[in-house]
N, C-alpha and C. Protein backbone atom coordinates (compact mmCIF):
# COMPACT_ATOMS: atom_id res chain seq x y z
N GLN A 1 16.98 -39.31 63.99
CA GLN A 1 16.37 -38.92 65.27
C GLN A 1 16.10 -37.42 65.24
N VAL A 2 15.23 -36.98 66.15
CA VAL A 2 14.83 -35.58 66.21
C VAL A 2 15.17 -35.03 67.58
N GLN A 3 15.65 -33.80 67.61
CA GLN A 3 15.93 -33.12 68.87
C GLN A 3 15.28 -31.76 68.89
N LEU A 4 14.80 -31.38 70.07
CA LEU A 4 14.35 -30.01 70.31
C LEU A 4 15.29 -29.41 71.35
N VAL A 5 15.91 -28.32 71.01
CA VAL A 5 16.88 -27.70 71.91
C VAL A 5 16.43 -26.29 72.24
N GLU A 6 16.18 -26.07 73.54
CA GLU A 6 15.72 -24.77 74.01
C GLU A 6 16.90 -23.93 74.48
N SER A 7 16.71 -22.62 74.42
CA SER A 7 17.71 -21.69 74.95
C SER A 7 17.00 -20.40 75.34
N GLY A 8 17.71 -19.57 76.11
CA GLY A 8 17.20 -18.25 76.44
C GLY A 8 16.69 -18.08 77.85
N GLY A 9 16.65 -19.15 78.63
CA GLY A 9 16.19 -19.01 80.00
C GLY A 9 17.23 -18.30 80.85
N GLY A 10 16.84 -18.00 82.10
CA GLY A 10 17.78 -17.34 83.00
C GLY A 10 17.07 -16.67 84.14
N LEU A 11 17.81 -15.81 84.83
CA LEU A 11 17.31 -15.06 85.98
C LEU A 11 17.02 -13.63 85.56
N VAL A 12 15.83 -13.14 85.90
CA VAL A 12 15.44 -11.78 85.54
C VAL A 12 14.64 -11.19 86.69
N GLN A 13 14.69 -9.88 86.81
CA GLN A 13 13.89 -9.21 87.85
C GLN A 13 12.45 -9.06 87.39
N ALA A 14 11.55 -8.97 88.34
CA ALA A 14 10.15 -8.74 88.02
C ALA A 14 10.01 -7.50 87.14
N GLY A 15 9.16 -7.61 86.13
CA GLY A 15 8.98 -6.53 85.17
C GLY A 15 9.88 -6.63 83.95
N GLY A 16 10.85 -7.54 84.01
CA GLY A 16 11.79 -7.70 82.91
C GLY A 16 11.26 -8.60 81.81
N SER A 17 12.13 -8.87 80.85
CA SER A 17 11.75 -9.66 79.67
C SER A 17 12.79 -10.74 79.40
N LEU A 18 12.33 -11.80 78.77
CA LEU A 18 13.20 -12.86 78.27
C LEU A 18 12.61 -13.37 76.96
N ARG A 19 13.50 -13.87 76.12
CA ARG A 19 13.05 -14.50 74.87
C ARG A 19 13.59 -15.91 74.82
N LEU A 20 12.70 -16.89 74.76
CA LEU A 20 13.08 -18.28 74.66
C LEU A 20 13.06 -18.71 73.20
N SER A 21 13.98 -19.61 72.85
CA SER A 21 14.02 -20.19 71.52
C SER A 21 14.03 -21.70 71.64
N CYS A 22 13.48 -22.35 70.63
CA CYS A 22 13.50 -23.82 70.57
C CYS A 22 13.67 -24.23 69.13
N ALA A 23 14.78 -24.88 68.83
CA ALA A 23 15.08 -25.30 67.47
C ALA A 23 14.96 -26.81 67.35
N ALA A 24 14.23 -27.23 66.33
CA ALA A 24 14.09 -28.66 66.03
C ALA A 24 15.10 -29.04 64.96
N SER A 25 15.73 -30.19 65.15
CA SER A 25 16.71 -30.65 64.17
C SER A 25 16.59 -32.16 64.02
N GLY A 26 17.13 -32.66 62.89
CA GLY A 26 17.09 -34.09 62.64
C GLY A 26 16.27 -34.41 61.41
N SER A 27 15.76 -35.63 61.37
CA SER A 27 15.01 -36.11 60.22
C SER A 27 13.56 -35.63 60.32
N ILE A 28 13.28 -34.51 59.67
CA ILE A 28 11.97 -33.86 59.79
C ILE A 28 11.38 -33.62 58.40
N ASP A 29 10.16 -34.14 58.18
CA ASP A 29 9.45 -33.83 56.94
C ASP A 29 8.76 -32.47 57.06
N SER A 30 8.05 -32.30 58.14
CA SER A 30 7.38 -31.03 58.42
C SER A 30 7.00 -30.98 59.90
N ILE A 31 6.63 -29.79 60.34
CA ILE A 31 6.23 -29.60 61.73
C ILE A 31 4.83 -29.00 61.76
N ASN A 32 3.95 -29.63 62.49
CA ASN A 32 2.60 -29.09 62.65
C ASN A 32 2.63 -28.07 63.80
N ALA A 33 1.83 -28.27 64.82
CA ALA A 33 1.79 -27.30 65.91
C ALA A 33 3.07 -27.36 66.74
N MET A 34 3.46 -26.20 67.23
CA MET A 34 4.55 -26.07 68.20
C MET A 34 3.99 -25.32 69.40
N ALA A 35 4.56 -25.58 70.56
CA ALA A 35 3.98 -24.99 71.77
C ALA A 35 5.04 -24.84 72.85
N TRP A 36 4.70 -24.01 73.81
CA TRP A 36 5.48 -23.87 75.03
C TRP A 36 4.60 -24.26 76.21
N TYR A 37 5.17 -25.04 77.09
CA TYR A 37 4.55 -25.40 78.36
C TYR A 37 5.49 -24.96 79.47
N ARG A 38 4.96 -24.94 80.68
CA ARG A 38 5.83 -24.65 81.82
C ARG A 38 5.40 -25.48 83.03
N GLN A 39 6.37 -25.71 83.90
CA GLN A 39 6.10 -26.47 85.12
C GLN A 39 6.83 -25.83 86.28
N ALA A 40 6.06 -25.34 87.23
CA ALA A 40 6.62 -24.76 88.44
C ALA A 40 6.79 -25.86 89.49
N PRO A 41 7.67 -25.66 90.46
CA PRO A 41 7.88 -26.67 91.49
C PRO A 41 6.58 -27.05 92.21
N GLY A 42 6.32 -28.33 92.28
CA GLY A 42 5.13 -28.81 92.98
C GLY A 42 3.83 -28.65 92.21
N LYS A 43 3.92 -28.21 90.96
CA LYS A 43 2.71 -28.02 90.15
C LYS A 43 2.76 -28.87 88.90
N GLN A 44 1.59 -29.02 88.29
CA GLN A 44 1.52 -29.76 87.03
C GLN A 44 2.00 -28.91 85.87
N ARG A 45 2.46 -29.58 84.84
CA ARG A 45 2.85 -28.87 83.62
C ARG A 45 1.61 -28.24 83.00
N GLU A 46 1.75 -26.98 82.56
CA GLU A 46 0.61 -26.27 81.99
C GLU A 46 0.98 -25.64 80.65
N LEU A 47 -0.02 -25.51 79.80
CA LEU A 47 0.19 -24.89 78.49
C LEU A 47 0.39 -23.39 78.66
N VAL A 48 1.40 -22.87 77.95
CA VAL A 48 1.62 -21.44 77.90
C VAL A 48 1.01 -20.87 76.63
N ALA A 49 1.41 -21.43 75.49
CA ALA A 49 0.92 -20.95 74.20
C ALA A 49 1.23 -21.98 73.14
N THR A 50 0.43 -21.96 72.08
CA THR A 50 0.65 -22.85 70.96
C THR A 50 0.49 -22.09 69.66
N ILE A 51 1.17 -22.57 68.61
CA ILE A 51 1.11 -21.93 67.31
C ILE A 51 1.10 -23.00 66.23
N THR A 52 0.19 -22.84 65.26
CA THR A 52 0.12 -23.79 64.15
C THR A 52 1.16 -23.45 63.10
N SER A 53 1.29 -24.32 62.12
CA SER A 53 2.24 -24.07 61.03
C SER A 53 1.83 -22.84 60.23
N GLY A 54 0.54 -22.50 60.25
CA GLY A 54 0.06 -21.33 59.53
C GLY A 54 0.13 -20.05 60.35
N GLY A 55 0.51 -20.17 61.62
CA GLY A 55 0.70 -18.98 62.44
C GLY A 55 -0.46 -18.65 63.38
N SER A 56 -1.47 -19.48 63.44
CA SER A 56 -2.57 -19.24 64.39
C SER A 56 -2.09 -19.56 65.80
N THR A 57 -2.47 -18.71 66.75
CA THR A 57 -1.95 -18.85 68.12
C THR A 57 -3.09 -18.98 69.13
N VAL A 58 -2.76 -19.64 70.22
CA VAL A 58 -3.65 -19.75 71.37
C VAL A 58 -2.79 -19.54 72.61
N TYR A 59 -3.31 -18.76 73.56
CA TYR A 59 -2.58 -18.47 74.79
C TYR A 59 -3.39 -18.88 76.01
N ALA A 60 -2.69 -19.28 77.06
CA ALA A 60 -3.34 -19.42 78.35
C ALA A 60 -3.75 -18.04 78.82
N ASP A 61 -4.87 -17.98 79.53
CA ASP A 61 -5.42 -16.67 79.91
C ASP A 61 -4.43 -15.80 80.67
N SER A 62 -3.65 -16.40 81.56
CA SER A 62 -2.76 -15.61 82.41
C SER A 62 -1.56 -15.04 81.65
N MET A 63 -1.34 -15.52 80.42
CA MET A 63 -0.19 -15.07 79.62
C MET A 63 -0.60 -14.06 78.54
N LYS A 64 -1.91 -13.96 78.29
CA LYS A 64 -2.37 -13.07 77.22
C LYS A 64 -1.91 -11.64 77.49
N GLY A 65 -1.36 -11.02 76.46
CA GLY A 65 -0.94 -9.64 76.57
C GLY A 65 0.49 -9.47 77.08
N ARG A 66 1.05 -10.52 77.68
CA ARG A 66 2.42 -10.44 78.19
C ARG A 66 3.38 -11.29 77.38
N PHE A 67 2.90 -12.45 76.90
CA PHE A 67 3.74 -13.39 76.17
C PHE A 67 3.32 -13.40 74.70
N THR A 68 4.31 -13.60 73.82
CA THR A 68 4.04 -13.72 72.39
C THR A 68 4.79 -14.92 71.84
N ILE A 69 4.05 -15.85 71.23
CA ILE A 69 4.67 -17.01 70.58
C ILE A 69 4.78 -16.73 69.09
N SER A 70 5.89 -17.14 68.50
CA SER A 70 6.09 -16.98 67.06
C SER A 70 6.96 -18.13 66.57
N ARG A 71 7.06 -18.28 65.26
CA ARG A 71 7.88 -19.36 64.73
C ARG A 71 8.46 -18.95 63.40
N ASP A 72 9.59 -19.57 63.09
CA ASP A 72 10.25 -19.42 61.80
C ASP A 72 10.27 -20.80 61.17
N ASN A 73 9.38 -21.04 60.23
CA ASN A 73 9.26 -22.38 59.64
C ASN A 73 10.52 -22.78 58.87
N ALA A 74 11.18 -21.83 58.29
CA ALA A 74 12.40 -22.14 57.54
C ALA A 74 13.52 -22.65 58.46
N LYS A 75 13.48 -22.22 59.71
CA LYS A 75 14.50 -22.61 60.69
C LYS A 75 13.99 -23.68 61.66
N ASN A 76 12.76 -24.12 61.49
CA ASN A 76 12.16 -25.11 62.42
C ASN A 76 12.30 -24.65 63.86
N THR A 77 12.05 -23.38 64.08
CA THR A 77 12.26 -22.78 65.39
C THR A 77 11.01 -22.06 65.87
N VAL A 78 10.74 -22.21 67.16
CA VAL A 78 9.64 -21.49 67.80
C VAL A 78 10.22 -20.60 68.89
N TYR A 79 9.61 -19.46 69.08
CA TYR A 79 10.09 -18.48 70.05
C TYR A 79 8.98 -18.15 71.05
N LEU A 80 9.39 -17.69 72.22
CA LEU A 80 8.44 -17.18 73.20
C LEU A 80 9.03 -15.90 73.78
N GLN A 81 8.42 -14.78 73.42
CA GLN A 81 8.81 -13.49 73.98
C GLN A 81 7.98 -13.25 75.23
N MET A 82 8.66 -13.09 76.35
CA MET A 82 7.97 -12.92 77.64
C MET A 82 8.29 -11.54 78.20
N ASN A 83 7.26 -10.74 78.35
CA ASN A 83 7.40 -9.38 78.89
C ASN A 83 6.66 -9.27 80.22
N SER A 84 6.97 -8.22 80.95
CA SER A 84 6.30 -7.97 82.25
C SER A 84 6.29 -9.21 83.12
N LEU A 85 7.45 -9.82 83.22
CA LEU A 85 7.54 -11.08 83.98
C LEU A 85 7.26 -10.87 85.46
N GLU A 86 6.64 -11.87 86.04
CA GLU A 86 6.25 -11.85 87.46
C GLU A 86 6.89 -13.04 88.17
N PRO A 87 7.08 -12.95 89.49
CA PRO A 87 7.64 -14.11 90.20
C PRO A 87 6.84 -15.39 89.95
N GLY A 88 5.54 -15.27 89.72
CA GLY A 88 4.72 -16.44 89.44
C GLY A 88 5.01 -17.10 88.11
N ASP A 89 5.81 -16.45 87.28
CA ASP A 89 6.21 -17.05 86.00
C ASP A 89 7.42 -17.96 86.16
N THR A 90 7.99 -18.01 87.34
CA THR A 90 9.15 -18.87 87.59
C THR A 90 8.77 -20.33 87.38
N ALA A 91 9.50 -20.99 86.50
CA ALA A 91 9.20 -22.39 86.14
C ALA A 91 10.26 -22.89 85.18
N VAL A 92 10.19 -24.18 84.92
CA VAL A 92 10.94 -24.75 83.79
C VAL A 92 10.02 -24.69 82.58
N TYR A 93 10.51 -24.11 81.51
CA TYR A 93 9.73 -23.95 80.28
C TYR A 93 10.16 -25.02 79.27
N TYR A 94 9.16 -25.72 78.75
CA TYR A 94 9.41 -26.81 77.82
C TYR A 94 8.82 -26.49 76.45
N CYS A 95 9.55 -26.84 75.43
CA CYS A 95 9.09 -26.73 74.06
C CYS A 95 8.47 -28.06 73.64
N HIS A 96 7.41 -28.01 72.86
CA HIS A 96 6.76 -29.21 72.33
C HIS A 96 6.50 -29.02 70.84
N ALA A 97 6.64 -30.10 70.07
CA ALA A 97 6.37 -30.02 68.64
C ALA A 97 5.74 -31.31 68.14
N GLU A 98 4.84 -31.16 67.20
CA GLU A 98 4.25 -32.30 66.49
C GLU A 98 4.99 -32.41 65.16
N ILE A 99 5.85 -33.40 65.05
CA ILE A 99 6.76 -33.50 63.91
C ILE A 99 6.39 -34.67 63.03
N VAL A 100 6.30 -34.40 61.74
CA VAL A 100 5.95 -35.42 60.76
C VAL A 100 7.23 -36.03 60.19
N ARG A 101 7.32 -37.36 60.30
CA ARG A 101 8.45 -38.10 59.77
C ARG A 101 7.91 -39.31 59.03
N LEU A 102 8.26 -39.44 57.76
CA LEU A 102 7.85 -40.59 56.95
C LEU A 102 6.35 -40.82 57.01
N GLY A 103 5.59 -39.76 57.00
CA GLY A 103 4.15 -39.87 56.94
C GLY A 103 3.44 -40.03 58.27
N TYR A 104 4.20 -40.13 59.34
CA TYR A 104 3.60 -40.27 60.67
C TYR A 104 3.93 -39.04 61.50
N THR A 105 3.01 -38.69 62.41
CA THR A 105 3.19 -37.55 63.29
C THR A 105 3.59 -38.02 64.69
N TYR A 106 4.68 -37.45 65.17
CA TYR A 106 5.21 -37.82 66.49
C TYR A 106 5.26 -36.58 67.39
N SER A 107 5.18 -36.84 68.68
CA SER A 107 5.23 -35.77 69.68
C SER A 107 6.62 -35.73 70.31
N TYR A 108 7.22 -34.56 70.31
CA TYR A 108 8.56 -34.40 70.87
C TYR A 108 8.58 -33.27 71.90
N TRP A 109 9.43 -33.46 72.91
CA TRP A 109 9.63 -32.46 73.96
C TRP A 109 11.10 -32.04 74.02
N GLY A 110 11.33 -30.79 74.34
CA GLY A 110 12.67 -30.34 74.64
C GLY A 110 13.03 -30.70 76.07
N GLN A 111 14.28 -30.39 76.43
CA GLN A 111 14.77 -30.77 77.75
C GLN A 111 14.37 -29.78 78.84
N GLY A 112 13.89 -28.63 78.43
CA GLY A 112 13.46 -27.62 79.39
C GLY A 112 14.52 -26.57 79.65
N THR A 113 14.08 -25.35 79.91
CA THR A 113 14.99 -24.27 80.27
C THR A 113 14.40 -23.52 81.45
N GLN A 114 15.24 -23.25 82.44
CA GLN A 114 14.78 -22.64 83.68
C GLN A 114 14.61 -21.13 83.51
N VAL A 115 13.45 -20.63 83.95
CA VAL A 115 13.20 -19.20 84.02
C VAL A 115 12.91 -18.86 85.48
N THR A 116 13.69 -17.95 86.02
CA THR A 116 13.51 -17.53 87.41
C THR A 116 13.29 -16.03 87.45
N VAL A 117 12.19 -15.60 88.05
CA VAL A 117 11.86 -14.19 88.14
C VAL A 117 11.93 -13.77 89.61
N SER A 118 12.82 -12.85 89.91
CA SER A 118 12.99 -12.40 91.29
C SER A 118 12.14 -11.16 91.56
N SER A 119 11.69 -11.05 92.79
CA SER A 119 10.85 -9.89 93.15
C SER A 119 11.68 -8.71 93.61
């Protein structure tokens, strides 16, 4: 089985920073794209950023310049560095990965980590 375990969420004041981590473990041949999504109360889940196995990144417009996604392929881990946080960034942040097992690609989600930004 495969697990994605997120960490690094918490409470921070506006203008502060947080770094989220998500480690994949289990029976993994390789990992294709990894991504971070977020879901605020009463809103739909939205893409924050995605990164390919080769390191190419895509960001949602509202996160460009403030958030940085990166990954360590040797550790099967993806990171999200969040700077200049705003109260509007308050949400549950979810990790997503496309994981190859026995020749097939599967979609996995982490359990989510709460980020709360106070004004």
